[in-house]
Amino acid sequence: LGPLRSGPPLAALGAGLLSRHTDALARGDALASEITNDGWIERLHRATLPRITPEEAGRNLAAISAGHDLTLFAYYTPDYVGHRGTWAEAVEALERLDRCLAGVLDGLPADTLLVVASDHGNIEDTTREHTLNPALGLVAGPGHAAVAGRLEHLWDVPHMILEVLGVGR
């Protein structure tokens, strides 16, 4: 068996787009799923990779998005911590994300729509599995108010993305 992968990397792999690895991380042309390259350095022994701040990572992600019609980034730490972590780890995961989003917003091209969506709740109660609480979401950029007004459920996100991209009309 190979490495365990979740939905986003599997989709990218299936589409032939899972191509951003160590060299791209070193150049700032990719973003590690834990944001700061720590996991790649510590668990994958990629000692040549720089440790970056969450803000730097966010600016890198904003720059990457400038060259593409659609950029997907998956941050798994809140889910992992929600299942197996402590409250302190949950706070750290959300603070890291907050700092990364500050970097994204700082570097986001003016014509770029940012959509942040969570697939379920669980980090707000690390003593149980998924909660029934509403999932968090954030929309920023041109047309954000109209887009946010149409997002009520997780299944609304892919339809909205296709509509914004002009696909399937």
N, C-alpha and C. Protein backbone atom coordinates (compact mmCIF):
# COMPACT_ATOMS: atom_id res chain seq x y z
N LEU A 1 0.83 -1.19 0.00
CA LEU A 1 0.00 0.00 0.00
C LEU A 1 0.87 1.24 0.00
N GLY A 2 0.44 2.23 -0.75
CA GLY A 2 1.13 3.51 -0.78
C GLY A 2 0.67 4.39 0.36
N PRO A 3 1.04 5.67 0.30
CA PRO A 3 0.62 6.58 1.37
C PRO A 3 -0.89 6.78 1.36
N LEU A 4 -1.44 7.02 2.55
CA LEU A 4 -2.87 7.30 2.65
C LEU A 4 -3.13 8.70 2.11
N ARG A 5 -4.14 8.82 1.30
CA ARG A 5 -4.47 10.13 0.74
C ARG A 5 -5.96 10.37 0.92
N SER A 6 -6.31 11.61 1.14
CA SER A 6 -7.72 11.98 1.24
C SER A 6 -8.21 12.49 -0.11
N GLY A 7 -9.44 12.95 -0.15
CA GLY A 7 -10.10 13.33 -1.38
C GLY A 7 -9.35 14.30 -2.28
N PRO A 8 -8.93 15.48 -1.79
CA PRO A 8 -8.27 16.44 -2.68
C PRO A 8 -7.00 15.90 -3.36
N PRO A 9 -6.07 15.27 -2.62
CA PRO A 9 -4.90 14.73 -3.33
C PRO A 9 -5.26 13.59 -4.29
N LEU A 10 -6.24 12.78 -3.93
CA LEU A 10 -6.66 11.71 -4.83
C LEU A 10 -7.24 12.27 -6.13
N ALA A 11 -8.04 13.34 -6.02
CA ALA A 11 -8.61 13.97 -7.21
C ALA A 11 -7.50 14.55 -8.08
N ALA A 12 -6.53 15.22 -7.45
CA ALA A 12 -5.41 15.79 -8.20
C ALA A 12 -4.57 14.69 -8.85
N LEU A 13 -4.35 13.60 -8.14
CA LEU A 13 -3.60 12.48 -8.68
C LEU A 13 -4.33 11.88 -9.88
N GLY A 14 -5.64 11.67 -9.74
CA GLY A 14 -6.44 11.11 -10.82
C GLY A 14 -6.48 12.00 -12.06
N ALA A 15 -6.40 13.31 -11.85
CA ALA A 15 -6.41 14.25 -12.97
C ALA A 15 -5.01 14.49 -13.53
N GLY A 16 -4.02 13.86 -12.94
CA GLY A 16 -2.64 14.06 -13.40
C GLY A 16 -2.07 15.39 -12.97
N LEU A 17 -2.61 15.97 -11.90
CA LEU A 17 -2.19 17.30 -11.45
C LEU A 17 -1.46 17.30 -10.11
N LEU A 18 -1.21 16.13 -9.54
CA LEU A 18 -0.50 16.08 -8.26
C LEU A 18 1.00 16.15 -8.58
N SER A 19 1.48 17.37 -8.77
CA SER A 19 2.84 17.54 -9.27
C SER A 19 3.70 18.47 -8.43
N ARG A 20 3.17 19.00 -7.36
CA ARG A 20 3.93 19.95 -6.55
C ARG A 20 4.52 19.22 -5.35
N HIS A 21 5.83 19.01 -5.42
CA HIS A 21 6.50 18.23 -4.38
C HIS A 21 7.62 19.05 -3.74
N THR A 22 8.66 18.41 -3.28
CA THR A 22 9.72 19.03 -2.49
C THR A 22 10.32 20.25 -3.18
N ASP A 23 10.69 20.13 -4.44
CA ASP A 23 11.30 21.27 -5.14
C ASP A 23 10.36 22.46 -5.19
N ALA A 24 9.09 22.21 -5.44
CA ALA A 24 8.11 23.30 -5.49
C ALA A 24 7.93 23.92 -4.10
N LEU A 25 7.92 23.11 -3.05
CA LEU A 25 7.85 23.66 -1.69
C LEU A 25 9.06 24.54 -1.40
N ALA A 26 10.23 24.11 -1.81
CA ALA A 26 11.46 24.86 -1.55
C ALA A 26 11.42 26.22 -2.25
N ARG A 27 10.81 26.28 -3.44
CA ARG A 27 10.72 27.54 -4.19
C ARG A 27 9.56 28.41 -3.72
N GLY A 28 8.67 27.88 -2.91
CA GLY A 28 7.47 28.63 -2.52
C GLY A 28 6.36 28.52 -3.55
N ASP A 29 6.48 27.54 -4.46
CA ASP A 29 5.49 27.32 -5.51
C ASP A 29 4.47 26.25 -5.13
N ALA A 30 4.45 25.86 -3.88
CA ALA A 30 3.50 24.88 -3.36
C ALA A 30 3.30 25.18 -1.89
N LEU A 31 2.26 24.60 -1.33
CA LEU A 31 1.97 24.80 0.09
C LEU A 31 1.74 23.44 0.74
N ALA A 32 2.49 23.15 1.78
CA ALA A 32 2.33 21.90 2.52
C ALA A 32 1.00 21.92 3.26
N SER A 33 0.37 20.77 3.40
CA SER A 33 -0.96 20.72 4.01
C SER A 33 -0.96 21.19 5.46
N GLU A 34 0.19 21.17 6.13
CA GLU A 34 0.20 21.69 7.50
C GLU A 34 0.67 23.14 7.52
N ILE A 35 0.90 23.74 6.37
CA ILE A 35 1.16 25.15 6.10
C ILE A 35 2.64 25.54 6.17
N THR A 36 3.38 25.16 7.19
CA THR A 36 4.71 25.73 7.42
C THR A 36 5.88 24.84 6.99
N ASN A 37 5.62 23.74 6.36
CA ASN A 37 6.63 22.74 5.94
C ASN A 37 7.13 21.86 7.09
N ASP A 38 6.64 22.06 8.30
CA ASP A 38 7.12 21.29 9.46
C ASP A 38 7.00 19.78 9.26
N GLY A 39 5.85 19.33 8.76
CA GLY A 39 5.64 17.89 8.58
C GLY A 39 6.61 17.30 7.57
N TRP A 40 6.84 18.01 6.48
CA TRP A 40 7.79 17.53 5.47
C TRP A 40 9.20 17.47 6.05
N ILE A 41 9.55 18.45 6.85
CA ILE A 41 10.90 18.49 7.44
C ILE A 41 11.05 17.40 8.49
N GLU A 42 10.10 17.28 9.40
CA GLU A 42 10.24 16.38 10.54
C GLU A 42 9.88 14.93 10.23
N ARG A 43 8.78 14.70 9.52
CA ARG A 43 8.33 13.33 9.28
C ARG A 43 8.85 12.73 7.97
N LEU A 44 9.06 13.58 6.96
CA LEU A 44 9.54 13.09 5.67
C LEU A 44 11.04 13.34 5.48
N HIS A 45 11.66 13.97 6.48
CA HIS A 45 13.11 14.20 6.50
C HIS A 45 13.60 15.01 5.31
N ARG A 46 12.84 16.03 4.93
CA ARG A 46 13.24 16.94 3.86
C ARG A 46 13.93 18.15 4.51
N ALA A 47 15.13 17.92 5.02
CA ALA A 47 15.86 18.91 5.82
C ALA A 47 16.23 20.15 5.01
N THR A 48 16.23 20.07 3.70
CA THR A 48 16.60 21.23 2.88
C THR A 48 15.46 22.23 2.72
N LEU A 49 14.25 21.84 3.10
CA LEU A 49 13.12 22.75 2.99
C LEU A 49 13.20 23.84 4.04
N PRO A 50 12.83 25.06 3.68
CA PRO A 50 12.81 26.13 4.68
C PRO A 50 11.56 26.02 5.56
N ARG A 51 11.70 26.38 6.81
CA ARG A 51 10.51 26.56 7.66
C ARG A 51 9.99 27.95 7.34
N ILE A 52 8.72 28.04 7.05
CA ILE A 52 8.15 29.33 6.71
C ILE A 52 7.05 29.67 7.71
N THR A 53 6.76 30.94 7.83
CA THR A 53 5.67 31.35 8.72
C THR A 53 4.34 31.09 8.03
N PRO A 54 3.28 31.00 8.80
CA PRO A 54 1.97 30.86 8.18
C PRO A 54 1.64 32.03 7.24
N GLU A 55 2.07 33.24 7.60
CA GLU A 55 1.82 34.39 6.74
C GLU A 55 2.54 34.24 5.40
N GLU A 56 3.81 33.79 5.43
CA GLU A 56 4.56 33.55 4.19
C GLU A 56 3.84 32.50 3.35
N ALA A 57 3.40 31.44 3.99
CA ALA A 57 2.69 30.38 3.28
C ALA A 57 1.44 30.94 2.61
N GLY A 58 0.71 31.78 3.32
CA GLY A 58 -0.49 32.39 2.76
C GLY A 58 -0.18 33.25 1.56
N ARG A 59 0.89 34.05 1.63
CA ARG A 59 1.28 34.87 0.49
C ARG A 59 1.69 33.98 -0.69
N ASN A 60 2.37 32.86 -0.40
CA ASN A 60 2.73 31.91 -1.46
C ASN A 60 1.47 31.37 -2.13
N LEU A 61 0.48 31.00 -1.32
CA LEU A 61 -0.77 30.47 -1.88
C LEU A 61 -1.48 31.52 -2.74
N ALA A 62 -1.49 32.76 -2.28
CA ALA A 62 -2.09 33.83 -3.07
C ALA A 62 -1.37 33.98 -4.41
N ALA A 63 -0.04 33.92 -4.40
CA ALA A 63 0.74 34.04 -5.64
C ALA A 63 0.47 32.86 -6.56
N ILE A 64 0.38 31.66 -6.00
CA ILE A 64 0.07 30.48 -6.81
C ILE A 64 -1.29 30.65 -7.49
N SER A 65 -2.27 31.17 -6.74
CA SER A 65 -3.62 31.32 -7.29
C SER A 65 -3.66 32.30 -8.46
N ALA A 66 -2.73 33.24 -8.50
CA ALA A 66 -2.71 34.24 -9.57
C ALA A 66 -2.49 33.61 -10.94
N GLY A 67 -1.87 32.44 -10.98
CA GLY A 67 -1.58 31.79 -12.25
C GLY A 67 -2.57 30.72 -12.66
N HIS A 68 -3.69 30.60 -11.95
CA HIS A 68 -4.62 29.50 -12.22
C HIS A 68 -6.08 29.97 -12.11
N ASP A 69 -6.94 29.28 -12.83
CA ASP A 69 -8.37 29.57 -12.72
C ASP A 69 -8.95 29.04 -11.41
N LEU A 70 -8.40 27.94 -10.91
CA LEU A 70 -8.87 27.32 -9.68
C LEU A 70 -7.68 26.78 -8.92
N THR A 71 -7.57 27.13 -7.66
CA THR A 71 -6.52 26.62 -6.78
C THR A 71 -7.19 26.02 -5.56
N LEU A 72 -6.85 24.79 -5.24
CA LEU A 72 -7.42 24.10 -4.08
C LEU A 72 -6.33 23.84 -3.07
N PHE A 73 -6.58 24.20 -1.82
CA PHE A 73 -5.67 23.90 -0.73
C PHE A 73 -6.47 23.23 0.37
N ALA A 74 -5.98 22.11 0.88
CA ALA A 74 -6.66 21.38 1.95
C ALA A 74 -5.78 21.40 3.20
N TYR A 75 -6.33 21.88 4.30
CA TYR A 75 -5.64 21.95 5.59
C TYR A 75 -6.30 20.93 6.51
N TYR A 76 -5.61 19.82 6.73
CA TYR A 76 -6.18 18.69 7.46
C TYR A 76 -6.01 18.75 8.98
N THR A 77 -5.13 19.60 9.45
CA THR A 77 -4.80 19.62 10.88
C THR A 77 -6.02 19.81 11.78
N PRO A 78 -6.93 20.73 11.49
CA PRO A 78 -8.09 20.87 12.38
C PRO A 78 -8.91 19.58 12.49
N ASP A 79 -9.06 18.85 11.40
CA ASP A 79 -9.79 17.59 11.45
C ASP A 79 -9.03 16.57 12.29
N TYR A 80 -7.75 16.45 12.05
CA TYR A 80 -6.93 15.50 12.80
C TYR A 80 -6.97 15.82 14.29
N VAL A 81 -6.77 17.08 14.63
CA VAL A 81 -6.77 17.50 16.03
C VAL A 81 -8.15 17.30 16.65
N GLY A 82 -9.19 17.57 15.88
CA GLY A 82 -10.54 17.38 16.39
C GLY A 82 -10.82 15.94 16.78
N HIS A 83 -10.19 15.00 16.09
CA HIS A 83 -10.39 13.58 16.39
C HIS A 83 -9.45 13.07 17.48
N ARG A 84 -8.23 13.54 17.49
CA ARG A 84 -7.22 12.91 18.34
C ARG A 84 -6.44 13.87 19.22
N GLY A 85 -6.80 15.13 19.24
CA GLY A 85 -5.96 16.11 19.89
C GLY A 85 -6.52 16.67 21.18
N THR A 86 -5.85 17.71 21.60
CA THR A 86 -6.22 18.42 22.82
C THR A 86 -6.79 19.78 22.44
N TRP A 87 -7.38 20.44 23.42
CA TRP A 87 -7.92 21.77 23.16
C TRP A 87 -6.78 22.73 22.78
N ALA A 88 -5.63 22.63 23.40
CA ALA A 88 -4.49 23.49 23.08
C ALA A 88 -4.04 23.28 21.63
N GLU A 89 -4.04 22.04 21.17
CA GLU A 89 -3.68 21.76 19.77
C GLU A 89 -4.74 22.33 18.81
N ALA A 90 -5.99 22.28 19.22
CA ALA A 90 -7.06 22.84 18.39
C ALA A 90 -6.88 24.34 18.23
N VAL A 91 -6.59 25.01 19.33
CA VAL A 91 -6.37 26.46 19.29
C VAL A 91 -5.17 26.78 18.39
N GLU A 92 -4.08 26.02 18.53
CA GLU A 92 -2.89 26.26 17.70
C GLU A 92 -3.19 26.04 16.23
N ALA A 93 -3.97 25.02 15.89
CA ALA A 93 -4.32 24.75 14.49
C ALA A 93 -5.13 25.89 13.90
N LEU A 94 -6.07 26.43 14.66
CA LEU A 94 -6.89 27.53 14.17
C LEU A 94 -6.10 28.83 14.10
N GLU A 95 -5.19 29.05 15.05
CA GLU A 95 -4.35 30.24 14.99
C GLU A 95 -3.41 30.18 13.78
N ARG A 96 -2.89 29.01 13.47
CA ARG A 96 -2.03 28.85 12.29
C ARG A 96 -2.83 29.16 11.03
N LEU A 97 -4.05 28.64 10.95
CA LEU A 97 -4.91 28.92 9.80
C LEU A 97 -5.22 30.41 9.71
N ASP A 98 -5.52 31.04 10.82
CA ASP A 98 -5.82 32.46 10.84
C ASP A 98 -4.64 33.27 10.30
N ARG A 99 -3.44 32.93 10.72
CA ARG A 99 -2.24 33.63 10.24
C ARG A 99 -2.02 33.37 8.75
N CYS A 100 -2.26 32.15 8.30
CA CYS A 100 -2.14 31.83 6.87
C CYS A 100 -3.15 32.63 6.06
N LEU A 101 -4.39 32.69 6.52
CA LEU A 101 -5.41 33.45 5.80
C LEU A 101 -5.06 34.94 5.75
N ALA A 102 -4.42 35.46 6.81
CA ALA A 102 -3.97 36.85 6.78
C ALA A 102 -2.97 37.05 5.64
N GLY A 103 -2.07 36.10 5.46
CA GLY A 103 -1.12 36.16 4.35
C GLY A 103 -1.80 36.04 3.01
N VAL A 104 -2.78 35.15 2.90
CA VAL A 104 -3.53 35.00 1.64
C VAL A 104 -4.21 36.32 1.31
N LEU A 105 -4.92 36.88 2.26
CA LEU A 105 -5.65 38.12 2.01
C LEU A 105 -4.70 39.27 1.69
N ASP A 106 -3.52 39.26 2.30
CA ASP A 106 -2.52 40.30 2.04
C ASP A 106 -2.02 40.23 0.60
N GLY A 107 -1.88 39.03 0.05
CA GLY A 107 -1.33 38.87 -1.29
C GLY A 107 -2.33 38.51 -2.37
N LEU A 108 -3.59 38.43 -2.03
CA LEU A 108 -4.61 37.97 -2.98
C LEU A 108 -4.77 38.96 -4.14
N PRO A 109 -4.66 38.49 -5.37
CA PRO A 109 -4.89 39.37 -6.52
C PRO A 109 -6.30 39.97 -6.44
N ALA A 110 -6.44 41.19 -6.92
CA ALA A 110 -7.72 41.91 -6.82
C ALA A 110 -8.85 41.21 -7.55
N ASP A 111 -8.53 40.40 -8.56
CA ASP A 111 -9.57 39.74 -9.34
C ASP A 111 -9.85 38.31 -8.89
N THR A 112 -9.36 37.94 -7.71
CA THR A 112 -9.47 36.56 -7.23
C THR A 112 -10.54 36.43 -6.15
N LEU A 113 -11.41 35.45 -6.31
CA LEU A 113 -12.42 35.13 -5.31
C LEU A 113 -11.88 34.02 -4.43
N LEU A 114 -11.87 34.25 -3.13
CA LEU A 114 -11.40 33.27 -2.15
C LEU A 114 -12.60 32.64 -1.48
N VAL A 115 -12.65 31.31 -1.48
CA VAL A 115 -13.70 30.58 -0.78
C VAL A 115 -13.02 29.61 0.17
N VAL A 116 -13.33 29.72 1.45
CA VAL A 116 -12.82 28.81 2.46
C VAL A 116 -14.02 28.04 3.00
N ALA A 117 -13.94 26.71 2.96
CA ALA A 117 -15.07 25.90 3.41
C ALA A 117 -14.57 24.73 4.25
N SER A 118 -15.30 24.42 5.29
CA SER A 118 -15.03 23.25 6.11
C SER A 118 -16.09 22.21 5.81
N ASP A 119 -15.69 20.95 5.76
CA ASP A 119 -16.66 19.91 5.40
C ASP A 119 -17.51 19.43 6.57
N HIS A 120 -17.11 19.73 7.79
CA HIS A 120 -17.90 19.35 8.95
C HIS A 120 -17.29 19.98 10.20
N GLY A 121 -18.03 19.93 11.28
CA GLY A 121 -17.51 20.39 12.55
C GLY A 121 -16.89 19.23 13.30
N ASN A 122 -15.87 19.50 14.09
CA ASN A 122 -15.36 18.57 15.09
C ASN A 122 -14.27 19.19 15.95
N ILE A 123 -13.63 20.24 15.51
CA ILE A 123 -12.53 20.82 16.28
C ILE A 123 -13.05 21.55 17.52
N GLU A 124 -14.32 21.92 17.51
CA GLU A 124 -14.86 22.64 18.66
C GLU A 124 -15.15 21.73 19.86
N ASP A 125 -15.01 20.42 19.67
CA ASP A 125 -15.21 19.47 20.76
C ASP A 125 -14.29 18.27 20.51
N THR A 126 -13.08 18.33 21.05
CA THR A 126 -12.08 17.29 20.77
C THR A 126 -12.33 16.00 21.55
N THR A 127 -13.47 15.91 22.22
CA THR A 127 -13.76 14.70 22.98
C THR A 127 -14.67 13.74 22.22
N ARG A 128 -15.05 14.10 20.99
CA ARG A 128 -15.98 13.26 20.25
C ARG A 128 -15.65 13.28 18.77
N GLU A 129 -16.42 12.59 17.99
CA GLU A 129 -16.23 12.58 16.54
C GLU A 129 -16.85 13.84 15.94
N HIS A 130 -17.30 13.79 14.72
CA HIS A 130 -17.90 14.95 14.07
C HIS A 130 -19.10 15.45 14.86
N THR A 131 -19.23 16.76 14.90
CA THR A 131 -20.37 17.35 15.59
C THR A 131 -21.46 17.67 14.57
N LEU A 132 -22.59 18.08 15.04
CA LEU A 132 -23.69 18.49 14.17
C LEU A 132 -23.72 20.00 13.99
N ASN A 133 -22.69 20.69 14.48
CA ASN A 133 -22.63 22.14 14.34
C ASN A 133 -22.42 22.52 12.88
N PRO A 134 -22.85 23.71 12.51
CA PRO A 134 -22.63 24.16 11.12
C PRO A 134 -21.13 24.24 10.83
N ALA A 135 -20.76 23.92 9.59
CA ALA A 135 -19.37 24.04 9.17
C ALA A 135 -19.06 25.50 8.87
N LEU A 136 -17.82 25.86 9.09
CA LEU A 136 -17.40 27.24 8.89
C LEU A 136 -17.12 27.53 7.43
N GLY A 137 -17.30 28.78 7.04
CA GLY A 137 -16.99 29.20 5.69
C GLY A 137 -16.63 30.68 5.66
N LEU A 138 -15.91 31.06 4.63
CA LEU A 138 -15.48 32.44 4.45
C LEU A 138 -15.39 32.70 2.95
N VAL A 139 -15.86 33.87 2.53
CA VAL A 139 -15.76 34.27 1.13
C VAL A 139 -15.23 35.69 1.10
N ALA A 140 -14.23 35.94 0.24
CA ALA A 140 -13.65 37.28 0.08
C ALA A 140 -13.31 37.50 -1.38
N GLY A 141 -13.28 38.76 -1.79
CA GLY A 141 -12.91 39.09 -3.15
C GLY A 141 -14.10 39.58 -3.94
N PRO A 142 -13.91 39.77 -5.26
CA PRO A 142 -14.98 40.33 -6.09
C PRO A 142 -16.22 39.45 -6.10
N GLY A 143 -17.36 40.06 -5.83
CA GLY A 143 -18.63 39.33 -5.82
C GLY A 143 -18.85 38.47 -4.60
N HIS A 144 -18.05 38.68 -3.55
CA HIS A 144 -18.13 37.79 -2.38
C HIS A 144 -19.50 37.79 -1.71
N ALA A 145 -20.17 38.93 -1.64
CA ALA A 145 -21.47 38.98 -0.95
C ALA A 145 -22.51 38.13 -1.68
N ALA A 146 -22.55 38.22 -2.99
CA ALA A 146 -23.51 37.43 -3.76
C ALA A 146 -23.21 35.94 -3.65
N VAL A 147 -21.93 35.59 -3.68
CA VAL A 147 -21.54 34.18 -3.56
C VAL A 147 -21.88 33.66 -2.17
N ALA A 148 -21.50 34.41 -1.15
CA ALA A 148 -21.75 33.96 0.23
C ALA A 148 -23.24 33.78 0.48
N GLY A 149 -24.07 34.63 -0.12
CA GLY A 149 -25.52 34.52 0.05
C GLY A 149 -26.11 33.25 -0.54
N ARG A 150 -25.38 32.61 -1.46
CA ARG A 150 -25.87 31.38 -2.09
C ARG A 150 -25.33 30.12 -1.43
N LEU A 151 -24.46 30.26 -0.46
CA LEU A 151 -23.85 29.09 0.18
C LEU A 151 -24.53 28.80 1.51
N GLU A 152 -25.35 27.77 1.48
CA GLU A 152 -26.03 27.37 2.70
C GLU A 152 -25.55 26.01 3.19
N HIS A 153 -25.18 25.13 2.25
CA HIS A 153 -24.73 23.78 2.57
C HIS A 153 -23.41 23.49 1.87
N LEU A 154 -22.69 22.51 2.35
CA LEU A 154 -21.43 22.13 1.73
C LEU A 154 -21.61 21.78 0.26
N TRP A 155 -22.72 21.12 -0.08
CA TRP A 155 -22.92 20.71 -1.46
C TRP A 155 -23.17 21.90 -2.39
N ASP A 156 -23.37 23.10 -1.83
CA ASP A 156 -23.50 24.30 -2.65
C ASP A 156 -22.15 24.76 -3.19
N VAL A 157 -21.06 24.41 -2.52
CA VAL A 157 -19.73 24.91 -2.89
C VAL A 157 -19.32 24.49 -4.29
N PRO A 158 -19.35 23.21 -4.65
CA PRO A 158 -18.90 22.87 -6.01
C PRO A 158 -19.77 23.49 -7.10
N HIS A 159 -21.07 23.59 -6.87
CA HIS A 159 -21.95 24.21 -7.86
C HIS A 159 -21.59 25.69 -8.04
N MET A 160 -21.31 26.36 -6.93
CA MET A 160 -20.94 27.77 -6.98
C MET A 160 -19.62 27.94 -7.72
N ILE A 161 -18.64 27.07 -7.44
CA ILE A 161 -17.35 27.17 -8.11
C ILE A 161 -17.51 26.99 -9.62
N LEU A 162 -18.27 25.99 -10.03
CA LEU A 162 -18.49 25.78 -11.45
C LEU A 162 -19.19 26.98 -12.09
N GLU A 163 -20.13 27.56 -11.39
CA GLU A 163 -20.85 28.73 -11.91
C GLU A 163 -19.89 29.92 -12.06
N VAL A 164 -19.07 30.17 -11.05
CA VAL A 164 -18.12 31.28 -11.10
C VAL A 164 -17.12 31.08 -12.24
N LEU A 165 -16.72 29.82 -12.46
CA LEU A 165 -15.77 29.52 -13.54
C LEU A 165 -16.43 29.48 -14.92
N GLY A 166 -17.77 29.54 -14.95
CA GLY A 166 -18.49 29.49 -16.23
C GLY A 166 -18.51 28.11 -16.84
N VAL A 167 -18.44 27.09 -16.00
CA VAL A 167 -18.44 25.71 -16.48
C VAL A 167 -19.85 25.14 -16.40
N GLY A 168 -20.29 24.44 -17.45
CA GLY A 168 -21.57 23.76 -17.42
C GLY A 168 -22.77 24.62 -17.75
N ARG A 169 -22.52 25.79 -18.28
CA ARG A 169 -23.66 26.64 -18.64
C ARG A 169 -24.23 26.25 -19.95
